[in-house]
Structures are given as structure tokens and as C-alpha cells.
Amino acid sequence: MAGRLQGKITLVTGCGSDRGLGAAMAHRFAEEGAVVYATDLDGEGLEGVVNAINAKGGTAHAVVQDVTDTGQWDALFERIESEHGRLDVIVNNAGIAVLKMIGDLSAADWSKQLSVNLDSVFYGTQGAIKLMRKVGEGGSIINLSSIGGLVGVPACTAYGAAKGGVRIFSKAVAMECAAENIRCNSVHPGMIETAMQDVARRDNPEGFKEIVKGIPMQRMGDPLDIANMVLFLASDEAGYITGGEFTVDGGVTAM
């Protein structure tokens, strides 16, 4: 039985942590038959993720990439076009969080988060659309936002501004490209059990427990929860879905 992404050429950014969202997506895509171009600024971590995928029989390529560098985006799309002649799916997942209250947030903190979390989504989306239009068979663009892009969260002014921008950007792209069957959707994770949570748990264990108690499902999500949502949006099963925002947060934003 063919996989849900059998033969599709896919690109996922931010795959350098073996416990991160991007790595989980890359693994799921490869398991479902996709060719995966996985990128990250952390070359060593990225190699580990890609080697693990290939060792299981998947097909993945590691590309060290700074997602804020337009020249590197151009080179990446040129490589994909040269090697496969098409791109079916892009997931703009790379992101950072500098959590500071607004009085402590510097101009550099603000600019860096907007650059990594929002500008890079524009670069990736624009380049993917150009290649998808050349082929003329549509495609799926999935942009990672956050529940911080839906509701106000203290210490997340810059992060929230960027992630809120990703949400509306994705809807506008969906409207521009719908007639060409190029779909664009945003995914909004809540608290997910990644390596970043280890620091919070270590530094403030009691506060961390209280935060988890505030989640209606009483637990954090797993990276696989996000990867499975992204997999659905990448697949032909979601062929009539564009301009949507998909919250995966254990019920937090339903309160």
C-alpha cells in the first residue's frame, strides 16, 4: 500500500533537534513515502535526524540553512528543481522564542524574532509558490504559527506579533493561490514536550507543574501530535482545505 505522501517532494525547515517538531514531521513524511529536504542551522543535529530517517529506509537530504538568508533560499529551491523538477509540500517550521516582558525587550530581540519567525515564512512561501506554479499541479504550504499567535501571552509580544502575522499571511496566500490548487494553512501548537521544555522544568519545577495543570487535557502534547496534523494538511486528504488555522493545544484556546 502506497504511503499518504508517496513520491511527493517535500521541504521542512527547523529539523535540527531530534526531539523537535521539524524532526517529527520529517520522520512522518518519510514514513509516508515522501522525499524530504530537511533544513536547519545546526548541521550536526540535522545530520543525526536525517541519518536516522535514512537508516529506517526513508529518503531525506540534510541542508544547512539560515532561513533569514534569501540567497540560501534561492540556492535551495534551485537544488530541488534541479534534482526533482518540482516541489509538492513546504513546511515553514523554523522558529525561535525570546521570552521577555516588553520593558526588557530590546530592538534586536524584536527584530530577530520577526526575522526568523515571520520573514523566513515569506521567503519560503514565495519561493515555493514560484516552483509550484512552474509545474502547474498545485501544492501544499503549511506555516507553523502558535497559540501565541491567537491569544495574548505575557513575555511573548515579539513572538506573538510574528506568529499572528504568520496566521494572516497564510490566509492571504491561500486566497491568492486557491484557483491554482496551491493550498496554504497555518498550524498553531500549544505546549509541546520538546527539548526546550526541559529547561523550564529544571529551572522552575513547581511553576511548570502549574502550567501543565492549566491545560484541559492535563498534559503537554507530543511532537508527533503536530507532525500528524501537518501530515494530514500535506496529503491529498486535505485537498479541499486552504486558508485554515489548525490548533493543536489540548484545549487551551477553547477555554
Protein backbone atom coordinates (compact mmCIF):
# COMPACT_ATOMS: atom_id res chain seq x y z
CA MET A 1 0.00 0.00 0.00
CA ALA A 2 1.39 3.39 -1.03
CA GLY A 3 2.05 5.97 1.66
CA ARG A 4 0.00 9.11 2.04
CA LEU A 5 2.82 11.21 0.56
CA GLN A 6 4.20 8.60 -1.83
CA GLY A 7 6.53 10.23 -4.35
CA LYS A 8 5.96 13.78 -3.14
CA ILE A 9 8.91 16.15 -2.90
CA THR A 10 8.81 17.95 0.42
CA LEU A 11 10.77 20.58 2.33
CA VAL A 12 10.71 21.02 6.11
CA THR A 13 12.70 23.74 7.91
CA GLY A 14 13.87 23.62 11.52
CA CYS A 15 14.72 19.92 11.75
CA GLY A 16 17.92 20.06 13.80
CA SER A 17 16.62 18.77 17.15
CA ASP A 18 15.82 15.07 17.37
CA ARG A 19 13.05 15.93 19.85
CA GLY A 20 11.74 18.91 17.88
CA LEU A 21 8.67 19.44 15.77
CA GLY A 22 10.59 19.58 12.49
CA ALA A 23 12.31 16.25 13.11
CA ALA A 24 8.96 14.62 13.91
CA MET A 25 7.49 16.00 10.68
CA ALA A 26 10.45 14.86 8.61
CA HIS A 27 10.20 11.34 10.04
CA ARG A 28 6.44 11.13 9.39
CA PHE A 29 6.79 12.46 5.84
CA ALA A 30 9.49 9.92 5.03
CA GLU A 31 7.48 7.10 6.60
CA GLU A 32 4.62 8.00 4.27
CA GLY A 33 6.78 7.85 1.14
CA ALA A 34 7.95 11.44 0.68
CA VAL A 35 11.37 12.63 -0.35
CA VAL A 36 12.30 15.06 2.43
CA TYR A 37 14.65 18.02 2.24
CA ALA A 38 15.27 18.78 5.91
CA THR A 39 16.98 22.03 6.85
CA ASP A 40 18.41 23.67 9.93
CA LEU A 41 21.20 25.99 11.02
CA ASP A 42 22.53 23.24 13.30
CA GLY A 43 24.33 20.99 10.84
CA GLU A 44 25.38 18.37 13.38
CA GLY A 45 21.89 17.95 14.82
CA LEU A 46 20.40 17.91 11.35
CA GLU A 47 22.72 15.14 10.18
CA GLY A 48 21.64 13.00 13.11
CA VAL A 49 17.96 13.41 12.24
CA VAL A 50 18.48 12.72 8.54
CA ASN A 51 20.73 9.72 9.16
CA ALA A 52 18.05 8.23 11.43
CA ILE A 53 15.40 8.69 8.72
CA ASN A 54 17.56 7.09 6.04
CA ALA A 55 18.55 4.24 8.35
CA LYS A 56 14.85 3.34 8.61
CA GLY A 57 14.54 3.18 4.83
CA GLY A 58 13.30 6.73 4.23
CA THR A 59 14.71 9.28 1.83
CA ALA A 60 15.93 12.52 3.38
CA HIS A 61 18.53 15.13 2.49
CA ALA A 62 20.21 17.43 5.03
CA VAL A 63 20.62 21.08 4.01
CA VAL A 64 22.29 23.50 6.40
CA GLN A 65 20.25 26.69 6.06
CA ASP A 66 19.86 30.09 7.67
CA VAL A 67 16.19 30.77 6.95
CA THR A 68 16.74 34.54 7.18
CA ASP A 69 19.16 34.49 4.21
CA THR A 70 17.37 34.95 0.88
CA GLY A 71 20.40 33.74 -1.07
CA GLN A 72 20.31 30.41 0.74
CA TRP A 73 16.59 30.07 -0.03
CA ASP A 74 17.29 30.70 -3.72
CA ALA A 75 20.03 28.07 -3.75
CA LEU A 76 17.80 25.55 -2.00
CA PHE A 77 14.93 25.93 -4.45
CA GLU A 78 17.35 25.75 -7.37
CA ARG A 79 18.74 22.49 -5.98
CA ILE A 80 15.29 20.95 -5.51
CA GLU A 81 14.25 21.98 -9.02
CA SER A 82 17.48 20.61 -10.48
CA GLU A 83 17.20 17.28 -8.67
CA HIS A 84 13.44 16.67 -8.90
CA GLY A 85 11.87 19.33 -11.11
CA ARG A 86 9.12 20.04 -8.60
CA LEU A 87 8.14 20.79 -5.00
CA ASP A 88 4.87 19.44 -3.65
CA VAL A 89 4.96 20.46 0.01
CA ILE A 90 6.77 23.04 2.12
CA VAL A 91 6.56 23.31 5.90
CA ASN A 92 7.88 26.60 7.28
CA ASN A 93 8.62 25.35 10.78
CA ALA A 94 11.87 27.05 11.83
CA GLY A 95 11.42 29.50 14.68
CA ILE A 96 12.82 30.95 17.89
CA ALA A 97 11.37 32.37 21.09
CA VAL A 98 12.97 35.15 23.14
CA LEU A 99 10.63 35.34 26.12
CA LYS A 100 10.96 38.76 27.77
CA MET A 101 8.48 41.24 29.16
CA ILE A 102 8.11 44.25 26.92
CA GLY A 103 10.13 46.53 29.19
CA ASP A 104 13.10 44.19 28.85
CA LEU A 105 12.77 43.53 25.13
CA SER A 106 15.47 45.17 23.03
CA ALA A 107 15.10 46.30 19.45
CA ALA A 108 17.47 43.50 18.47
CA ASP A 109 15.29 40.92 20.28
CA TRP A 110 12.24 42.22 18.42
CA SER A 111 13.92 42.26 15.02
CA LYS A 112 15.45 38.81 15.37
CA GLN A 113 12.12 37.17 16.22
CA LEU A 114 10.32 38.91 13.38
CA SER A 115 13.11 37.90 11.00
CA VAL A 116 13.24 34.22 11.95
CA ASN A 117 9.55 33.67 12.71
CA LEU A 118 7.87 35.79 10.04
CA ASP A 119 10.26 37.00 7.32
CA SER A 120 11.52 33.46 6.73
CA VAL A 121 7.94 32.25 6.22
CA PHE A 122 7.53 34.85 3.49
CA TYR A 123 10.79 33.80 1.80
CA GLY A 124 9.92 30.11 1.91
CA THR A 125 6.33 30.58 0.80
CA GLN A 126 7.18 32.89 -2.08
CA GLY A 127 9.90 30.58 -3.40
CA ALA A 128 7.69 27.50 -3.09
CA ILE A 129 4.85 29.19 -4.98
CA LYS A 130 7.18 30.10 -7.84
CA LEU A 131 8.29 26.48 -8.22
CA MET A 132 4.77 25.07 -7.79
CA ARG A 133 3.47 27.42 -10.47
CA LYS A 134 6.16 26.24 -12.90
CA VAL A 135 4.90 22.69 -12.55
CA GLY A 136 1.24 23.71 -12.52
CA GLU A 137 -0.06 20.84 -10.40
CA GLY A 138 -0.72 22.70 -7.15
CA GLY A 139 0.87 22.02 -3.81
CA SER A 140 0.57 22.42 -0.05
CA ILE A 141 2.14 25.17 2.06
CA ILE A 142 1.99 24.69 5.83
CA ASN A 143 3.17 27.50 8.08
CA LEU A 144 3.80 26.95 11.78
CA SER A 145 2.26 29.60 13.97
CA SER A 146 1.39 29.11 17.65
CA ILE A 147 -1.40 29.62 20.14
CA GLY A 148 0.70 32.70 20.91
CA GLY A 149 -0.45 33.96 17.53
CA LEU A 150 -4.10 33.58 18.57
CA VAL A 151 -4.23 34.84 22.17
CA GLY A 152 -2.13 37.22 24.25
CA VAL A 153 0.66 35.60 26.26
CA PRO A 154 2.88 37.55 28.68
CA ALA A 155 6.54 37.85 27.61
CA CYS A 156 5.52 36.96 24.04
CA THR A 157 4.97 40.38 22.46
CA ALA A 158 7.50 39.91 19.66
CA TYR A 159 6.88 36.19 19.33
CA GLY A 160 3.12 36.72 19.29
CA ALA A 161 3.37 39.52 16.75
CA ALA A 162 5.34 37.28 14.42
CA LYS A 163 3.12 34.24 14.89
CA GLY A 164 -0.04 36.33 14.49
CA GLY A 165 1.47 37.63 11.28
CA VAL A 166 2.03 34.05 10.08
CA ARG A 167 -1.69 33.35 10.60
CA ILE A 168 -2.99 36.25 8.49
CA PHE A 169 -0.18 35.91 5.93
CA SER A 170 -1.21 32.30 5.37
CA LYS A 171 -4.85 33.24 4.81
CA ALA A 172 -3.92 35.92 2.28
CA VAL A 173 -1.66 33.49 0.41
CA ALA A 174 -4.49 30.95 0.37
CA MET A 175 -6.79 33.46 -1.30
CA GLU A 176 -4.18 34.41 -3.89
CA CYS A 177 -3.38 30.81 -4.84
CA ALA A 178 -6.63 28.87 -4.35
CA ALA A 179 -7.56 28.81 -8.03
CA GLU A 180 -4.19 27.19 -8.81
CA ASN A 181 -4.76 24.41 -6.24
CA ILE A 182 -1.86 25.72 -4.16
CA ARG A 183 -3.17 25.37 -0.61
CA CYS A 184 -1.88 27.32 2.38
CA ASN A 185 -2.76 26.65 6.01
CA SER A 186 -1.37 27.51 9.44
CA VAL A 187 -0.86 25.18 12.41
CA HIS A 188 -0.95 26.51 15.99
CA PRO A 189 0.74 24.28 18.59
CA GLY A 190 0.18 24.71 22.30
CA MET A 191 2.64 23.40 24.88
CA ILE A 192 4.55 20.53 23.31
CA GLU A 193 7.08 18.23 25.00
CA THR A 194 10.26 19.25 23.20
CA ALA A 195 13.82 19.70 24.45
CA MET A 196 13.05 23.37 25.19
CA GLN A 197 10.63 22.30 27.92
CA ASP A 198 13.43 20.54 29.79
CA VAL A 199 14.93 23.90 30.72
CA ALA A 200 11.62 25.24 32.04
CA ARG A 201 11.01 22.06 34.02
CA ARG A 202 14.50 22.19 35.55
CA ASP A 203 14.54 25.90 36.36
CA ASN A 204 11.02 26.19 37.76
CA PRO A 205 9.57 22.74 38.53
CA GLU A 206 6.62 23.93 40.63
CA GLY A 207 5.67 26.66 38.18
CA PHE A 208 5.97 24.17 35.36
CA LYS A 209 3.55 21.79 37.08
CA GLU A 210 1.01 24.59 37.48
CA ILE A 211 1.23 25.45 33.80
CA VAL A 212 0.59 21.84 32.82
CA LYS A 213 -2.37 21.69 35.21
CA GLY A 214 -3.85 24.62 33.28
CA ILE A 215 -4.07 22.52 30.12
CA PRO A 216 -7.57 20.98 29.90
CA MET A 217 -6.13 17.62 28.85
CA GLN A 218 -3.73 17.81 31.84
CA ARG A 219 -0.66 17.05 29.76
CA MET A 220 1.61 18.55 27.18
CA GLY A 221 1.44 17.42 23.59
CA ASP A 222 3.97 15.25 21.81
CA PRO A 223 5.81 16.45 18.68
CA LEU A 224 4.04 13.60 16.89
CA ASP A 225 0.71 15.32 17.57
CA ILE A 226 1.87 18.28 15.49
CA ALA A 227 3.56 16.10 12.88
CA ASN A 228 0.35 14.16 12.28
CA MET A 229 -1.66 17.34 11.75
CA VAL A 230 0.95 18.63 9.33
CA LEU A 231 0.98 15.27 7.55
CA PHE A 232 -2.78 15.49 7.02
CA LEU A 233 -2.53 19.01 5.57
CA ALA A 234 0.33 17.91 3.30
CA SER A 235 -1.63 14.95 1.96
CA ASP A 236 -4.27 14.75 -0.75
CA GLU A 237 -6.78 14.00 2.01
CA ALA A 238 -6.77 17.75 2.71
CA GLY A 239 -7.27 18.65 -0.94
CA TYR A 240 -10.23 20.98 -0.26
CA ILE A 241 -8.68 22.72 2.75
CA THR A 242 -6.99 26.10 2.39
CA GLY A 243 -6.85 29.25 4.47
CA GLY A 244 -7.46 27.27 7.64
CA GLU A 245 -5.91 27.59 11.07
CA PHE A 246 -5.46 24.34 12.97
CA THR A 247 -4.99 24.47 16.73
CA VAL A 248 -3.29 21.52 18.45
CA ASP A 249 -3.20 22.56 22.09
CA GLY A 250 -5.08 20.13 24.33
CA GLY A 251 -7.97 22.54 24.60
CA VAL A 252 -6.14 25.63 25.89
CA THR A 253 -7.64 28.13 23.45
CA ALA A 254 -11.13 26.66 23.89
CA MET A 255 -11.30 28.00 27.45
